[in-house]
Amino acid sequence: MARTPGLSARWKFTLSYAGIVVVAGAVLIGLAWWDLLRYVPDNDQGLLFTSPNRYLLSRIFGRAAAIAMVFLVAFGLLGGWLLAGRMLSPLDKIADAARLAAKGSLSHRIRLPGKADEFRELSDVFDDMLGKLESHVAEQRRFAANASHELRTPLAISQSLLDLARQDPTLVDGEFLDRLHTSSRRAIDLTEALLLLSRGDRGLFGREPVDLSLIAEEAAETLLPLAERRRITLDVTGETATTTGSAELLLRVITNLVQNAIVHNLPTGGTVTVHTEPQHQACVVRVENTGRVLPADLVPTLTEPFQRGGERVRDDDHAGIGLGLAIVHSIVRAHQGALDIAPRPEGGLRVTIRLPSHAVAARSR
């Protein structure tokens, strides 16, 4: 944004300091002059040099007052310039860091020394912002690289199948079409998941009262055939828990959690429990499943895009696209909620979501 040139902050502070000093000095000199002259008689006899009189004192005191005012102006300007420079030096460092950040360098930190004050607080906030930006940019770059790699695979498979069909049309049969359909479906699912993840990250959705118990029942009803095929017992319990947000996105959250709980379960005879309840001005959704015992240090990696337990997602029937828990985490965070994932000692996972209740969300708006 183009701006008209003006005085710098240092010059403004300098003139302000000098003005205060000059005004204060003028007031003090004026009070002293008035207090001194009122006790001196006005000699009207013409004897100007025989006794103290106002004329004589006015000439002497006026010259001294003029010299003092000149000194105060010079002292105010010089002292104000030096003092303003010292006071504003932290802003110069913050401005330099901002310029480096604008050029793409996010690794620089200000780290102002000294005790806490407004400038140090601003510096610390700026350093924290740079750290979060650096982490976010690195995460986005890693995510973009992973997404492009994951999307390239099904597209490459589709391209290879189409090339084979062009060379030999007799290869086009039911199995060929199934493979082409599977590859295309995976590319579409991945694209939709990426759009949903971006939507959750940016918080672009409407907000309305949502009963999480009804959402849980709908998700369980949708996934019941999958659970029955895998001989998994799916149970939904709990009470009404009303939050504020997008019913569509929250349905996707619980659906993803329940689907993961079914897929990553025991081969047969496993269980999945979905429980909802209001708790301490919050709404809680808890999804538990049986399964293999997971090391605690692998749990934090489960919400990373295209990761499962620190390993790359495989291209089998149940591996999905590797964005399920990443989408859950993004949507929960966009709803000002918290996601907690903990391994169960006997095997499987316990995933807990805490969202603000509808009453709390209404008060905060």
Protein backbone atom coordinates (compact mmCIF):
# COMPACT_ATOMS: atom_id res chain seq x y z
CA MET A 1 0.00 0.00 0.00
CA ALA A 2 1.51 3.32 -1.13
CA ARG A 3 1.57 6.01 1.55
CA THR A 4 2.54 9.68 1.53
CA PRO A 5 5.98 10.19 3.16
CA GLY A 6 5.81 11.57 6.70
CA LEU A 7 7.79 11.97 9.87
CA SER A 8 9.26 8.82 11.33
CA ALA A 9 8.17 7.59 14.73
CA ARG A 10 11.60 8.56 16.08
CA TRP A 11 11.20 12.16 14.96
CA LYS A 12 7.68 12.30 16.38
CA PHE A 13 8.91 11.05 19.75
CA THR A 14 11.86 13.45 19.61
CA LEU A 15 9.65 16.46 18.99
CA SER A 16 7.27 15.32 21.69
CA TYR A 17 10.06 14.96 24.26
CA ALA A 18 11.61 18.29 23.25
CA GLY A 19 8.22 20.01 23.40
CA ILE A 20 7.55 18.69 26.90
CA VAL A 21 10.99 19.83 28.10
CA VAL A 22 10.63 23.30 26.55
CA VAL A 23 7.11 23.84 27.88
CA ALA A 24 8.07 22.66 31.35
CA GLY A 25 11.16 24.89 31.33
CA ALA A 26 9.16 27.90 30.11
CA VAL A 27 6.58 27.40 32.85
CA LEU A 28 9.27 27.14 35.55
CA ILE A 29 11.11 30.22 34.26
CA GLY A 30 7.87 32.17 34.04
CA LEU A 31 6.86 31.26 37.59
CA ALA A 32 10.31 32.15 38.91
CA TRP A 33 10.31 35.48 37.03
CA TRP A 34 6.83 36.38 38.25
CA ASP A 35 7.60 35.37 41.84
CA LEU A 36 10.85 37.34 41.83
CA LEU A 37 9.58 40.53 40.24
CA ARG A 38 6.53 40.92 42.41
CA TYR A 39 8.76 41.61 45.47
CA VAL A 40 10.90 44.17 43.64
CA PRO A 41 9.61 47.77 43.59
CA ASP A 42 9.14 49.62 40.36
CA ASN A 43 11.64 52.53 40.66
CA ASP A 44 10.11 55.58 39.10
CA GLN A 45 12.68 58.05 40.43
CA GLY A 46 15.16 57.45 37.61
CA LEU A 47 17.73 55.90 39.94
CA LEU A 48 18.13 52.78 37.87
CA PHE A 49 21.52 51.72 39.24
CA THR A 50 21.19 52.69 42.89
CA SER A 51 18.94 49.92 44.13
CA PRO A 52 17.28 46.70 42.79
CA ASN A 53 14.41 47.54 40.44
CA ARG A 54 12.26 45.74 37.91
CA TYR A 55 13.93 47.20 34.86
CA LEU A 56 17.38 46.06 35.90
CA LEU A 57 16.25 42.59 36.94
CA SER A 58 14.19 42.20 33.74
CA ARG A 59 17.24 42.81 31.57
CA ILE A 60 19.47 40.49 33.56
CA PHE A 61 16.87 37.75 34.10
CA GLY A 62 15.54 38.00 30.52
CA ARG A 63 18.99 37.34 29.05
CA ALA A 64 19.49 34.35 31.33
CA ALA A 65 16.01 33.05 30.54
CA ALA A 66 16.67 33.24 26.78
CA ILE A 67 19.93 31.32 27.16
CA ALA A 68 18.15 28.72 29.30
CA MET A 69 15.40 28.28 26.69
CA VAL A 70 17.94 27.79 23.91
CA PHE A 71 19.69 25.18 26.06
CA LEU A 72 16.38 23.43 26.81
CA VAL A 73 15.45 23.27 23.10
CA ALA A 74 18.86 21.81 22.18
CA PHE A 75 18.85 19.45 25.15
CA GLY A 76 15.26 18.33 24.43
CA LEU A 77 15.97 17.59 20.76
CA LEU A 78 19.25 15.76 21.36
CA GLY A 79 18.06 13.89 24.41
CA GLY A 80 14.72 13.07 22.76
CA TRP A 81 16.48 11.76 19.63
CA LEU A 82 18.78 9.50 21.63
CA LEU A 83 16.05 8.34 24.00
CA ALA A 84 13.59 7.66 21.16
CA GLY A 85 16.23 5.68 19.28
CA ARG A 86 16.93 3.55 22.33
CA MET A 87 13.25 3.00 23.05
CA LEU A 88 12.37 2.12 19.46
CA SER A 89 15.34 -0.15 18.76
CA PRO A 90 13.30 -3.30 19.59
CA LEU A 91 10.81 -2.29 16.90
CA ASP A 92 13.65 -2.15 14.37
CA LYS A 93 14.55 -5.75 15.20
CA ILE A 94 10.92 -6.82 14.94
CA ALA A 95 10.59 -5.00 11.59
CA ASP A 96 13.75 -6.72 10.29
CA ALA A 97 12.32 -10.10 11.30
CA ALA A 98 9.03 -9.25 9.58
CA ARG A 99 10.87 -8.35 6.36
CA LEU A 100 12.73 -11.66 6.44
CA ALA A 101 9.45 -13.49 7.00
CA ALA A 102 7.87 -11.63 4.08
CA LYS A 103 10.71 -12.92 1.88
CA GLY A 104 9.96 -16.50 2.95
CA SER A 105 12.52 -16.97 5.74
CA LEU A 106 10.56 -18.24 8.76
CA SER A 107 13.48 -19.69 10.73
CA HIS A 108 14.63 -16.31 12.09
CA ARG A 109 13.75 -15.46 15.70
CA ILE A 110 14.02 -12.09 17.48
CA ARG A 111 14.56 -13.27 21.08
CA LEU A 112 14.84 -9.82 22.66
CA PRO A 113 16.88 -9.91 25.89
CA GLY A 114 15.84 -8.13 29.06
CA LYS A 115 12.94 -8.15 31.47
CA ALA A 116 9.31 -8.31 30.42
CA ASP A 117 7.69 -5.20 28.95
CA GLU A 118 5.42 -4.36 26.02
CA PHE A 119 8.20 -4.68 23.42
CA ARG A 120 9.41 -8.01 24.82
CA GLU A 121 5.83 -9.28 24.86
CA LEU A 122 5.39 -8.23 21.23
CA SER A 123 8.68 -9.92 20.35
CA ASP A 124 7.69 -13.16 22.07
CA VAL A 125 4.30 -13.17 20.35
CA PHE A 126 6.00 -12.57 17.00
CA ASP A 127 8.47 -15.40 17.65
CA ASP A 128 5.61 -17.75 18.54
CA MET A 129 3.78 -16.73 15.37
CA LEU A 130 6.90 -17.39 13.26
CA GLY A 131 7.30 -20.81 14.87
CA LYS A 132 3.69 -21.76 14.14
CA LEU A 133 3.92 -20.43 10.59
CA GLU A 134 7.14 -22.37 9.98
CA SER A 135 5.56 -25.54 11.32
CA HIS A 136 2.38 -24.98 9.32
CA VAL A 137 4.25 -24.31 6.07
CA ALA A 138 6.43 -27.39 6.58
CA GLU A 139 3.33 -29.46 7.27
CA GLN A 140 1.59 -28.12 4.16
CA ARG A 141 4.61 -28.85 1.99
CA ARG A 142 4.86 -32.38 3.36
CA PHE A 143 1.14 -32.85 2.90
CA ALA A 144 1.24 -31.56 -0.68
CA ALA A 145 4.11 -33.91 -1.51
CA ASN A 146 2.31 -36.89 0.01
CA ALA A 147 -0.98 -35.96 -1.67
CA SER A 148 0.62 -35.64 -5.09
CA HIS A 149 2.34 -38.99 -4.63
CA GLU A 150 -0.86 -40.71 -3.49
CA LEU A 151 -2.90 -39.17 -6.32
CA ARG A 152 -0.26 -40.03 -8.92
CA THR A 153 -0.54 -43.76 -8.16
CA PRO A 154 -4.20 -44.34 -9.15
CA LEU A 155 -3.90 -41.96 -12.08
CA ALA A 156 -0.84 -43.82 -13.33
CA ILE A 157 -2.68 -47.13 -13.01
CA SER A 158 -5.64 -45.77 -14.96
CA GLN A 159 -3.32 -44.40 -17.64
CA SER A 160 -1.57 -47.77 -17.97
CA LEU A 161 -4.87 -49.62 -18.27
CA LEU A 162 -6.11 -47.22 -20.92
CA ASP A 163 -2.85 -47.57 -22.87
CA LEU A 164 -3.23 -51.37 -22.80
CA ALA A 165 -6.82 -51.10 -23.98
CA ARG A 166 -5.78 -48.83 -26.84
CA GLN A 167 -3.08 -51.26 -27.96
CA ASP A 168 -5.27 -54.35 -27.62
CA PRO A 169 -9.04 -53.73 -27.35
CA THR A 170 -9.63 -57.45 -26.75
CA LEU A 171 -8.24 -57.03 -23.22
CA VAL A 172 -11.29 -54.98 -22.20
CA ASP A 173 -13.39 -57.37 -20.11
CA GLY A 174 -15.15 -57.34 -16.76
CA GLU A 175 -11.95 -57.68 -14.74
CA PHE A 176 -10.29 -54.91 -16.72
CA LEU A 177 -13.24 -52.57 -16.10
CA ASP A 178 -13.27 -53.44 -12.40
CA ARG A 179 -9.59 -52.53 -12.06
CA LEU A 180 -10.16 -49.28 -13.95
CA HIS A 181 -13.17 -48.48 -11.80
CA THR A 182 -11.24 -49.19 -8.57
CA SER A 183 -8.37 -46.96 -9.63
CA SER A 184 -10.69 -44.13 -10.65
CA ARG A 185 -12.72 -44.48 -7.46
CA ARG A 186 -9.58 -44.19 -5.38
CA ALA A 187 -8.54 -41.01 -7.18
CA ILE A 188 -12.01 -39.51 -6.69
CA ASP A 189 -12.11 -40.48 -3.00
CA LEU A 190 -8.69 -38.96 -2.43
CA THR A 191 -9.69 -35.72 -4.16
CA GLU A 192 -12.89 -35.47 -2.13
CA ALA A 193 -10.98 -36.15 1.08
CA LEU A 194 -8.45 -33.44 0.27
CA LEU A 195 -11.25 -30.95 -0.37
CA LEU A 196 -12.95 -31.95 2.88
CA LEU A 197 -9.69 -31.60 4.78
CA SER A 198 -9.15 -28.13 3.32
CA ARG A 199 -12.72 -27.17 4.19
CA GLY A 200 -12.22 -28.23 7.79
CA ASP A 201 -8.88 -26.42 8.08
CA ARG A 202 -10.39 -23.14 6.87
CA GLY A 203 -13.58 -23.45 8.92
CA LEU A 204 -15.81 -22.84 5.88
CA PHE A 205 -19.11 -24.28 7.10
CA GLY A 206 -22.39 -23.20 8.62
CA ARG A 207 -23.16 -23.71 12.29
CA GLU A 208 -26.36 -25.05 13.78
CA PRO A 209 -27.41 -27.14 16.82
CA VAL A 210 -26.38 -30.77 16.28
CA ASP A 211 -27.35 -33.75 18.47
CA LEU A 212 -24.31 -36.01 18.46
CA SER A 213 -26.31 -39.00 19.70
CA LEU A 214 -28.42 -38.90 16.51
CA ILE A 215 -25.29 -38.46 14.41
CA ALA A 216 -23.73 -41.51 16.07
CA GLU A 217 -26.84 -43.61 15.41
CA GLU A 218 -26.87 -42.55 11.75
CA ALA A 219 -23.18 -43.40 11.30
CA ALA A 220 -23.66 -46.79 13.00
CA GLU A 221 -26.69 -47.60 10.83
CA THR A 222 -24.71 -46.76 7.68
CA LEU A 223 -21.76 -48.97 8.68
CA LEU A 224 -23.75 -51.85 10.19
CA PRO A 225 -23.52 -53.98 6.99
CA LEU A 226 -19.72 -53.62 7.03
CA ALA A 227 -19.62 -54.64 10.69
CA GLU A 228 -21.85 -57.66 10.03
CA ARG A 229 -19.67 -58.82 7.13
CA ARG A 230 -16.64 -58.70 9.39
CA ARG A 231 -18.58 -60.21 12.33
CA ILE A 232 -18.02 -57.14 14.49
CA THR A 233 -20.51 -56.19 17.21
CA LEU A 234 -21.45 -52.52 16.84
CA ASP A 235 -23.10 -50.90 19.85
CA VAL A 236 -24.29 -47.27 20.27
CA THR A 237 -25.06 -45.98 23.78
CA GLY A 238 -25.31 -42.69 25.65
CA GLU A 239 -27.43 -39.60 26.06
CA THR A 240 -28.41 -36.55 24.07
CA ALA A 241 -25.40 -34.29 23.55
CA THR A 242 -26.07 -31.10 21.58
CA THR A 243 -23.22 -29.04 20.18
CA THR A 244 -23.01 -26.32 17.52
CA GLY A 245 -21.46 -26.95 14.13
CA SER A 246 -21.93 -28.64 10.77
CA ALA A 247 -24.05 -31.78 10.92
CA GLU A 248 -22.51 -32.98 7.63
CA LEU A 249 -18.91 -32.62 8.84
CA LEU A 250 -19.62 -34.07 12.29
CA LEU A 251 -21.30 -37.04 10.63
CA ARG A 252 -18.13 -37.53 8.58
CA VAL A 253 -16.08 -37.40 11.79
CA ILE A 254 -18.04 -40.12 13.59
CA THR A 255 -18.38 -42.19 10.40
CA ASN A 256 -14.61 -42.14 9.89
CA LEU A 257 -13.99 -43.15 13.50
CA VAL A 258 -16.50 -45.99 13.42
CA GLN A 259 -15.23 -47.22 10.05
CA ASN A 260 -11.64 -47.24 11.31
CA ALA A 261 -12.77 -49.03 14.47
CA ILE A 262 -14.45 -51.74 12.37
CA VAL A 263 -11.67 -52.18 9.82
CA HIS A 264 -8.80 -52.19 12.34
CA ASN A 265 -10.35 -54.73 14.68
CA LEU A 266 -10.02 -58.39 15.46
CA PRO A 267 -10.49 -60.73 12.46
CA THR A 268 -13.75 -62.01 13.98
CA GLY A 269 -15.68 -61.47 17.17
CA GLY A 270 -14.48 -57.94 17.82
CA THR A 271 -16.55 -55.10 19.24
CA VAL A 272 -17.01 -51.40 18.53
CA THR A 273 -18.70 -49.13 21.08
CA VAL A 274 -19.90 -45.59 20.37
CA HIS A 275 -20.91 -43.57 23.43
CA THR A 276 -22.20 -39.98 23.65
CA GLU A 277 -22.81 -37.87 26.75
CA PRO A 278 -22.91 -34.24 27.95
CA GLN A 279 -20.05 -33.52 30.33
CA HIS A 280 -18.88 -30.29 32.05
CA GLN A 281 -20.35 -27.85 29.50
CA ALA A 282 -19.05 -30.07 26.71
CA CYS A 283 -20.29 -32.87 24.49
CA VAL A 284 -18.27 -36.07 24.52
CA VAL A 285 -18.17 -38.78 21.86
CA ARG A 286 -16.14 -41.88 22.67
CA VAL A 287 -15.39 -44.62 20.13
CA GLU A 288 -13.67 -47.79 21.39
CA ASN A 289 -12.71 -50.93 19.55
CA THR A 290 -10.91 -54.16 20.19
CA GLY A 291 -7.84 -55.04 18.17
CA ARG A 292 -4.12 -55.51 18.40
CA VAL A 293 -2.11 -53.79 21.10
CA LEU A 294 -0.56 -50.55 19.84
CA PRO A 295 2.62 -48.98 21.28
CA ALA A 296 1.89 -45.65 22.93
CA ASP A 297 4.58 -43.84 20.90
CA LEU A 298 2.83 -44.70 17.63
CA VAL A 299 -0.52 -43.18 18.62
CA PRO A 300 0.43 -39.49 17.92
CA THR A 301 1.29 -40.42 14.31
CA LEU A 302 -2.21 -41.71 13.59
CA THR A 303 -3.56 -38.24 12.78
CA GLU A 304 -0.78 -37.54 10.27
CA PRO A 305 -2.01 -37.53 6.65
CA PHE A 306 -1.21 -40.73 4.72
CA GLN A 307 0.26 -42.33 7.83
CA ARG A 308 -0.81 -45.22 10.00
CA GLY A 309 1.30 -45.94 13.01
CA GLY A 310 4.33 -44.30 11.40
CA GLU A 311 4.10 -46.40 8.23
CA ARG A 312 2.94 -45.59 4.74
CA VAL A 313 -0.61 -46.54 3.89
CA ARG A 314 -0.85 -49.68 1.82
CA ASP A 315 -3.04 -50.09 -1.24
CA ASP A 316 -5.15 -52.98 0.01
CA ASP A 317 -8.93 -53.25 0.28
CA HIS A 318 -9.19 -51.73 3.72
CA ALA A 319 -6.32 -49.28 3.90
CA GLY A 320 -8.46 -46.44 2.59
CA ILE A 321 -6.68 -43.27 1.54
CA GLY A 322 -4.88 -42.53 4.80
CA LEU A 323 -6.78 -39.32 5.56
CA GLY A 324 -9.48 -40.59 7.92
CA LEU A 325 -8.04 -39.47 11.25
CA ALA A 326 -6.41 -36.42 9.66
CA ILE A 327 -9.87 -35.29 8.54
CA VAL A 328 -11.29 -36.04 11.98
CA HIS A 329 -8.58 -33.97 13.66
CA SER A 330 -9.06 -31.07 11.24
CA ILE A 331 -12.86 -30.94 11.63
CA VAL A 332 -12.75 -31.28 15.43
CA ARG A 333 -10.20 -28.48 15.65
CA ALA A 334 -12.36 -26.27 13.39
CA HIS A 335 -15.25 -26.85 15.84
CA GLN A 336 -13.05 -25.64 18.76
CA GLY A 337 -12.94 -29.18 20.08
CA ALA A 338 -10.27 -31.58 21.29
CA LEU A 339 -9.31 -35.04 20.02
CA ASP A 340 -7.72 -37.59 22.31
CA ILE A 341 -6.46 -40.97 21.07
CA ALA A 342 -5.23 -43.55 23.57
CA PRO A 343 -4.39 -47.24 23.20
CA ARG A 344 -6.43 -49.66 25.28
CA PRO A 345 -4.30 -51.93 27.51
CA GLU A 346 -6.17 -55.00 26.27
CA GLY A 347 -5.81 -53.94 22.62
CA GLY A 348 -7.46 -51.51 20.25
CA LEU A 349 -8.02 -47.79 20.58
CA ARG A 350 -10.12 -45.37 22.58
CA VAL A 351 -10.85 -42.17 20.66
CA THR A 352 -12.50 -39.33 22.60
CA ILE A 353 -13.87 -36.14 21.09
CA ARG A 354 -14.83 -33.16 23.27
CA LEU A 355 -16.82 -30.36 21.65
CA PRO A 356 -18.29 -27.23 23.26
CA SER A 357 -21.93 -27.67 24.21
CA HIS A 358 -24.55 -25.68 22.32
CA ALA A 359 -25.05 -23.36 25.32
CA VAL A 360 -21.32 -22.62 25.64
CA ALA A 361 -20.98 -22.00 21.91
CA ALA A 362 -23.96 -19.66 21.94
CA ARG A 363 -22.46 -17.59 24.78
CA SER A 364 -19.09 -17.29 23.03
CA ARG A 365 -20.60 -15.82 19.83
